[in-house]
Amino acid sequence: MSDKHLSAQFDAELSGISTRVLEMGGLVESQVTQALHALTHLSDETAAQVLREEERVNQMEVEIDRDLSAIIARRQPTARDLRLLIAVSKSIANLERVGDEAARIARTVHRLVGTGVSSRLPLTDLVFEADLAIAQLRKALDAFARLDTAKALEVLKQDDQIDQEFNGLLRKLITYMMEDPRTISSSIDLVFVAKAIERVGDHSKNIAEAIIYVVKGTDVRHSSVADVENVVR
């Protein structure tokens, strides 16, 4: 078999793996969206659907990881190809954790269905934070599909906005708990929901950093945005 044919086969395998990562990403994005719908509508049925999808997300992670190991053993890739496979492994681990956060929100909804949520609590702010996090995840997946470092850099730059929303929500919820002890239980639940959403943003950031590693060959974890910008340029 010619080297050219082997190379074409390898490219097809890499393309297939990348497509499945995006499929997994689409599934976890849907999970997060459904989890927030379940929360804002106190829908036990939608929460149950999110939890059912968790098993599929976990299965996809195991299957893609297994195929990655097989490709590495068979092809012994080097340089950028190896970096891509490493980034895929990191990305699916982060996507699986996004699915975990969606499931955590869904389980919170199960608890709240019976007790309800006070109309005073800032659900609108929570939805705004979630919209930011979902947009970040979508942008990270788009950057992955195109190996677009400029878009990956946008994800890193916007991460602080989600952190600020979380901190603002936390302050509001603490205020409500102090003013009305009857809201303590549901407020604590919403703190955990807000943290789960904030973690979705963190995982999107991790995927963005992996993309920059693939393209530029530089590990930018724990680097400032200014330093990452220099790497991308």
Protein backbone atom coordinates (compact mmCIF):
# COMPACT_ATOMS: atom_id res chain seq x y z
CA MET A 1 0.00 0.00 0.00
CA SER A 2 1.43 3.39 -1.03
CA ASP A 3 2.39 6.09 1.46
CA LYS A 4 -0.11 8.37 -0.26
CA HIS A 5 -2.93 5.89 0.31
CA LEU A 6 -1.91 5.43 3.96
CA SER A 7 -1.88 9.19 4.41
CA ALA A 8 -5.36 9.49 2.89
CA GLN A 9 -6.65 6.77 5.21
CA PHE A 10 -5.14 8.54 8.22
CA ASP A 11 -6.69 11.86 7.17
CA ALA A 12 -10.07 10.13 6.86
CA GLU A 13 -9.69 8.66 10.36
CA LEU A 14 -8.81 12.07 11.81
CA SER A 15 -11.77 13.65 10.03
CA GLY A 16 -14.09 10.93 11.34
CA ILE A 17 -12.88 11.42 14.90
CA SER A 18 -13.34 15.20 14.66
CA THR A 19 -16.88 14.77 13.35
CA ARG A 20 -17.79 12.56 16.29
CA VAL A 21 -16.36 15.11 18.74
CA LEU A 22 -18.66 17.72 17.20
CA GLU A 23 -21.61 15.32 17.46
CA MET A 24 -20.81 14.82 21.14
CA GLY A 25 -20.54 18.58 21.53
CA GLY A 26 -23.94 19.09 19.95
CA LEU A 27 -25.44 16.57 22.36
CA VAL A 28 -24.01 18.19 25.49
CA GLU A 29 -25.00 21.65 24.25
CA SER A 30 -28.55 20.33 23.91
CA GLN A 31 -28.31 18.86 27.41
CA VAL A 32 -27.40 22.22 28.94
CA THR A 33 -30.19 23.98 27.02
CA GLN A 34 -32.72 21.37 28.14
CA ALA A 35 -31.51 21.54 31.74
CA LEU A 36 -32.11 25.29 31.84
CA HIS A 37 -35.52 24.84 30.23
CA ALA A 38 -36.30 22.26 32.92
CA LEU A 39 -35.25 24.74 35.61
CA THR A 40 -37.15 27.76 34.32
CA HIS A 41 -40.32 25.69 33.72
CA LEU A 42 -39.81 23.30 36.67
CA SER A 43 -40.25 20.46 34.20
CA ASP A 44 -39.53 17.08 35.76
CA GLU A 45 -39.98 15.42 32.36
CA THR A 46 -37.32 17.57 30.67
CA ALA A 47 -34.95 17.03 33.60
CA ALA A 48 -35.42 13.27 33.21
CA GLN A 49 -34.56 13.56 29.50
CA VAL A 50 -31.29 15.32 30.36
CA LEU A 51 -30.37 12.50 32.74
CA ARG A 52 -31.19 9.87 30.13
CA GLU A 53 -28.86 11.58 27.65
CA GLU A 54 -26.03 11.51 30.19
CA GLU A 55 -25.53 7.79 29.53
CA ARG A 56 -25.15 8.43 25.80
CA VAL A 57 -22.58 11.20 26.41
CA ASN A 58 -20.56 8.89 28.65
CA GLN A 59 -20.71 6.15 26.03
CA MET A 60 -19.50 8.52 23.30
CA GLU A 61 -16.51 9.55 25.43
CA VAL A 62 -15.51 5.91 25.97
CA GLU A 63 -15.94 5.02 22.27
CA ILE A 64 -13.97 8.01 20.96
CA ASP A 65 -11.22 7.48 23.54
CA ARG A 66 -10.95 3.82 22.53
CA ASP A 67 -10.66 4.72 18.85
CA LEU A 68 -8.06 7.39 19.65
CA SER A 69 -5.91 4.78 21.39
CA ALA A 70 -6.24 2.47 18.38
CA ILE A 71 -5.23 5.21 15.93
CA ILE A 72 -2.20 6.20 18.00
CA ALA A 73 -1.08 2.57 18.27
CA ARG A 74 -1.59 1.92 14.54
CA ARG A 75 -0.34 5.16 13.03
CA GLN A 76 2.20 6.40 15.59
CA PRO A 77 1.47 10.01 14.58
CA THR A 78 3.93 12.82 15.14
CA ALA A 79 3.90 16.62 15.36
CA ARG A 80 0.55 18.29 14.59
CA ASP A 81 -1.36 15.04 14.05
CA LEU A 82 -0.35 13.83 17.50
CA ARG A 83 -1.27 17.19 19.00
CA LEU A 84 -4.69 16.96 17.37
CA LEU A 85 -5.32 13.53 18.86
CA ILE A 86 -4.23 14.75 22.29
CA ALA A 87 -6.53 17.77 21.93
CA VAL A 88 -9.42 15.50 20.94
CA SER A 89 -8.85 13.44 24.09
CA LYS A 90 -8.87 16.58 26.24
CA SER A 91 -11.90 17.99 24.45
CA ILE A 92 -14.09 14.92 24.89
CA ALA A 93 -13.15 14.79 28.59
CA ASN A 94 -14.29 18.40 28.93
CA LEU A 95 -17.47 17.74 26.96
CA GLU A 96 -18.28 14.79 29.22
CA ARG A 97 -17.90 17.11 32.20
CA VAL A 98 -20.25 19.63 30.58
CA GLY A 99 -22.76 16.78 30.38
CA ASP A 100 -22.15 16.15 34.08
CA GLU A 101 -22.96 19.79 34.85
CA ALA A 102 -26.19 19.56 32.84
CA ALA A 103 -27.12 16.42 34.77
CA ARG A 104 -26.35 18.22 38.04
CA ILE A 105 -28.80 20.98 37.08
CA ALA A 106 -31.39 18.36 36.12
CA ARG A 107 -31.09 16.65 39.49
CA THR A 108 -31.55 20.04 41.17
CA VAL A 109 -34.75 20.50 39.16
CA HIS A 110 -36.02 17.18 40.51
CA ARG A 111 -35.56 18.57 44.03
CA LEU A 112 -37.18 21.90 43.21
CA VAL A 113 -40.26 20.49 41.48
CA GLY A 114 -41.80 19.63 44.83
CA THR A 115 -40.71 22.75 46.71
CA GLY A 116 -40.90 25.41 44.00
CA VAL A 117 -38.73 28.48 43.53
CA SER A 118 -39.59 31.86 44.99
CA SER A 119 -40.52 34.42 42.34
CA ARG A 120 -38.11 36.79 44.12
CA LEU A 121 -35.08 34.73 43.18
CA PRO A 122 -33.07 35.92 40.14
CA LEU A 123 -33.91 33.23 37.59
CA THR A 124 -33.61 35.76 34.76
CA ASP A 125 -29.99 36.44 35.73
CA LEU A 126 -29.37 32.70 35.84
CA VAL A 127 -30.75 32.31 32.31
CA PHE A 128 -28.50 35.16 31.13
CA GLU A 129 -25.44 33.43 32.61
CA ALA A 130 -26.52 30.19 30.94
CA ASP A 131 -26.96 31.89 27.56
CA LEU A 132 -23.39 33.22 27.83
CA ALA A 133 -22.04 29.77 28.73
CA ILE A 134 -23.93 28.03 25.91
CA ALA A 135 -22.67 30.64 23.43
CA GLN A 136 -19.13 30.02 24.69
CA LEU A 137 -19.50 26.27 24.23
CA ARG A 138 -20.90 26.74 20.73
CA LYS A 139 -18.02 29.07 19.82
CA ALA A 140 -15.44 26.62 21.18
CA LEU A 141 -16.95 23.81 19.10
CA ASP A 142 -16.98 26.04 16.02
CA ALA A 143 -13.32 26.86 16.64
CA PHE A 144 -12.59 23.13 16.98
CA ALA A 145 -14.33 22.35 13.68
CA ARG A 146 -12.18 24.90 11.84
CA LEU A 147 -9.06 24.80 14.06
CA ASP A 148 -9.63 28.54 14.27
CA THR A 149 -7.25 30.09 16.82
CA ALA A 150 -8.80 33.56 16.50
CA LYS A 151 -12.19 32.22 17.56
CA ALA A 152 -10.57 30.14 20.31
CA LEU A 153 -8.95 33.34 21.59
CA GLU A 154 -12.41 34.99 21.69
CA VAL A 155 -13.56 32.20 24.01
CA LEU A 156 -10.67 32.92 26.38
CA LYS A 157 -11.30 36.67 26.32
CA GLN A 158 -14.99 36.26 27.15
CA ASP A 159 -14.53 33.80 30.00
CA ASP A 160 -14.31 36.59 32.58
CA GLN A 161 -17.83 37.73 31.69
CA ILE A 162 -19.31 34.42 32.86
CA ASP A 163 -17.25 34.58 36.05
CA GLN A 164 -18.57 38.10 36.71
CA GLU A 165 -22.15 36.95 36.18
CA PHE A 166 -21.62 34.07 38.61
CA ASN A 167 -20.17 36.39 41.27
CA GLY A 168 -23.07 38.82 40.82
CA LEU A 169 -25.60 36.01 41.14
CA LEU A 170 -23.89 34.72 44.25
CA ARG A 171 -24.11 38.13 45.91
CA LYS A 172 -27.80 38.42 45.04
CA LEU A 173 -28.65 34.97 46.35
CA ILE A 174 -26.80 35.61 49.61
CA THR A 175 -28.80 38.85 50.00
CA TYR A 176 -32.11 37.02 49.44
CA MET A 177 -31.17 34.36 51.99
CA MET A 178 -30.32 37.02 54.57
CA GLU A 179 -33.55 38.95 53.95
CA ASP A 180 -35.88 35.96 53.83
CA PRO A 181 -34.79 32.69 55.48
CA ARG A 182 -37.61 30.89 53.64
CA THR A 183 -35.59 31.20 50.44
CA ILE A 184 -32.46 29.57 51.89
CA SER A 185 -33.08 26.06 50.58
CA SER A 186 -33.94 27.02 46.99
CA SER A 187 -31.26 29.75 46.97
CA ILE A 188 -28.59 27.19 47.86
CA ASP A 189 -29.84 24.98 45.03
CA LEU A 190 -29.56 27.93 42.63
CA VAL A 191 -26.02 28.67 43.82
CA PHE A 192 -25.07 25.15 42.72
CA VAL A 193 -26.86 25.66 39.40
CA ALA A 194 -25.00 28.95 38.85
CA LYS A 195 -21.70 27.22 39.64
CA ALA A 196 -22.53 24.40 37.21
CA ILE A 197 -23.16 26.97 34.48
CA GLU A 198 -19.89 28.75 35.31
CA ARG A 199 -18.11 25.40 34.95
CA VAL A 200 -19.57 24.99 31.44
CA GLY A 201 -17.70 28.18 30.56
CA ASP A 202 -14.52 26.80 32.13
CA HIS A 203 -14.73 23.61 30.06
CA SER A 204 -15.28 25.66 26.90
CA LYS A 205 -12.15 27.61 27.77
CA ASN A 206 -10.21 24.34 28.15
CA ILE A 207 -11.32 23.24 24.67
CA ALA A 208 -10.23 26.60 23.24
CA GLU A 209 -6.80 26.21 24.83
CA ALA A 210 -6.48 22.74 23.30
CA ILE A 211 -7.22 24.17 19.83
CA ILE A 212 -4.43 26.72 20.19
CA TYR A 213 -2.11 23.91 21.26
CA VAL A 214 -2.93 21.94 18.09
CA VAL A 215 -2.32 24.82 15.71
CA LYS A 216 0.53 26.65 17.42
CA GLY A 217 2.22 23.81 19.30
CA THR A 218 2.24 25.89 22.50
CA ASP A 219 0.58 24.92 25.77
CA VAL A 220 -1.27 28.08 26.83
CA ARG A 221 -2.92 26.72 29.96
CA HIS A 222 -2.56 29.06 32.96
CA SER A 223 -1.32 31.83 30.66
CA SER A 224 -2.72 35.36 30.65
CA VAL A 225 -4.98 36.39 27.79
CA ALA A 226 -2.30 38.86 26.66
CA ASP A 227 0.30 36.07 26.46
CA VAL A 228 -2.10 33.81 24.55
CA GLU A 229 -2.84 36.66 22.15
CA ASN A 230 0.88 36.90 21.39
CA VAL A 231 1.02 33.17 20.69
CA VAL A 232 -1.98 33.32 18.35
CA ARG A 233 -0.56 36.29 16.45
